[in-house]
Protein backbone atom coordinates (compact mmCIF):
# COMPACT_ATOMS: atom_id res chain seq x y z
CA MET A 1 4.81 -6.46 32.63
CA ALA A 2 4.23 -10.15 31.93
CA ALA A 3 3.26 -11.14 28.40
CA ASN A 4 -0.06 -12.61 29.52
CA ASN A 5 -1.06 -9.32 31.22
CA ILE A 6 -0.62 -7.09 28.17
CA MET A 7 -4.21 -7.46 27.01
CA GLU A 8 -5.79 -7.75 30.46
CA GLY A 9 -9.01 -5.76 30.66
CA SER A 10 -9.25 -5.23 26.90
CA ILE A 11 -11.85 -6.59 24.50
CA MET A 12 -10.75 -8.52 21.41
CA LEU A 13 -12.06 -7.32 18.07
CA VAL A 14 -12.49 -10.25 15.67
CA LEU A 15 -12.51 -9.44 11.95
CA SER A 16 -12.79 -11.42 8.74
CA ARG A 17 -10.52 -10.37 5.89
CA LYS A 18 -9.86 -11.76 2.43
CA VAL A 19 -6.48 -11.92 0.70
CA GLY A 20 -5.48 -8.37 -0.23
CA GLU A 21 -7.67 -6.73 2.42
CA SER A 22 -6.16 -4.74 5.27
CA ILE A 23 -6.87 -3.32 8.69
CA PHE A 24 -5.33 -0.17 10.13
CA ILE A 25 -4.06 0.24 13.69
CA ASN A 26 -3.77 3.89 14.59
CA GLU A 27 -2.85 5.92 11.54
CA SER A 28 0.55 4.39 10.89
CA ILE A 29 0.22 0.59 11.06
CA ARG A 30 -1.42 -1.48 8.32
CA VAL A 31 -1.89 -5.26 8.52
CA THR A 32 -2.71 -6.96 5.21
CA VAL A 33 -3.68 -10.56 4.49
CA VAL A 34 -1.08 -11.53 1.90
CA GLN A 35 -1.78 -15.23 1.38
CA SER A 36 -4.14 -17.95 2.55
CA ALA A 37 -3.14 -21.62 2.47
CA LYS A 38 -5.21 -24.81 2.58
CA ASN A 39 -3.64 -25.83 5.90
CA GLY A 40 -5.54 -23.06 7.71
CA ARG A 41 -2.56 -20.72 7.92
CA ILE A 42 -2.44 -17.21 6.58
CA ARG A 43 0.44 -14.86 5.81
CA LEU A 44 0.21 -11.31 7.07
CA GLY A 45 2.12 -8.29 5.83
CA ILE A 46 2.70 -5.53 8.37
CA ASP A 47 3.58 -1.97 7.36
CA ALA A 48 4.76 0.02 10.37
CA PRO A 49 7.19 2.84 11.11
CA PRO A 50 10.74 1.68 11.85
CA GLU A 51 10.44 2.63 15.53
CA VAL A 52 7.56 0.15 16.01
CA ARG A 53 8.88 -3.27 16.95
CA VAL A 54 6.77 -6.12 15.56
CA LEU A 55 7.37 -9.54 17.12
CA ARG A 56 5.70 -12.92 16.96
CA GLU A 57 4.00 -13.78 20.26
CA GLU A 58 6.48 -16.53 21.14
CA LEU A 59 9.32 -14.01 20.90
CA THR A 60 7.55 -11.60 23.26
CA LYS A 61 7.25 -14.36 25.84
CA SER A 62 10.98 -15.06 25.71
CA CYS A 63 11.70 -11.32 25.81
CA PHE A 64 9.48 -10.72 28.87
CA ASN A 65 10.82 -13.81 30.62
CA SER A 66 14.47 -12.96 29.97
CA SER A 67 16.69 -12.34 32.93
CA PRO A 68 17.21 -8.71 33.90
CA SER A 69 20.32 -6.92 32.73
CA LYS A 70 22.72 -5.14 35.05
CA ASN A 71 20.54 -2.00 35.09
CA GLY A 72 17.42 -3.98 36.10
CA LYS A 73 15.71 -3.81 32.72
CA ALA A 74 15.08 -6.73 30.38
CA GLU A 75 17.56 -7.09 27.55
CA SER A 76 16.17 -6.17 24.15
CA LEU A 77 16.24 -8.69 21.35
CA SER A 78 18.93 -8.34 18.73
CA PRO A 79 17.79 -7.53 15.16
CA SER A 80 18.82 -11.04 14.11
CA ALA A 81 16.20 -12.46 16.51
CA GLN A 82 13.44 -10.64 14.64
CA LEU A 83 12.72 -13.13 11.93
CA PRO A 84 10.54 -12.29 8.89
């Protein structure tokens, strides 16, 4: 599945949150606004079970666009590629 087709057909929920406030995704994933900076950036903290892979969007694009491995499936990213 291409990265740009992941959200196809879904509706985006837009929320406002202050520093320290969170949202929950399912029952096991919590996203918290940790810090807000004057340059318009924010820092998010994500609490998720270890089996849930959390990647920045630009890493998902490189993962989905990677060349297939010998068994026909895309290679997974190494843990070192998952930057904080």
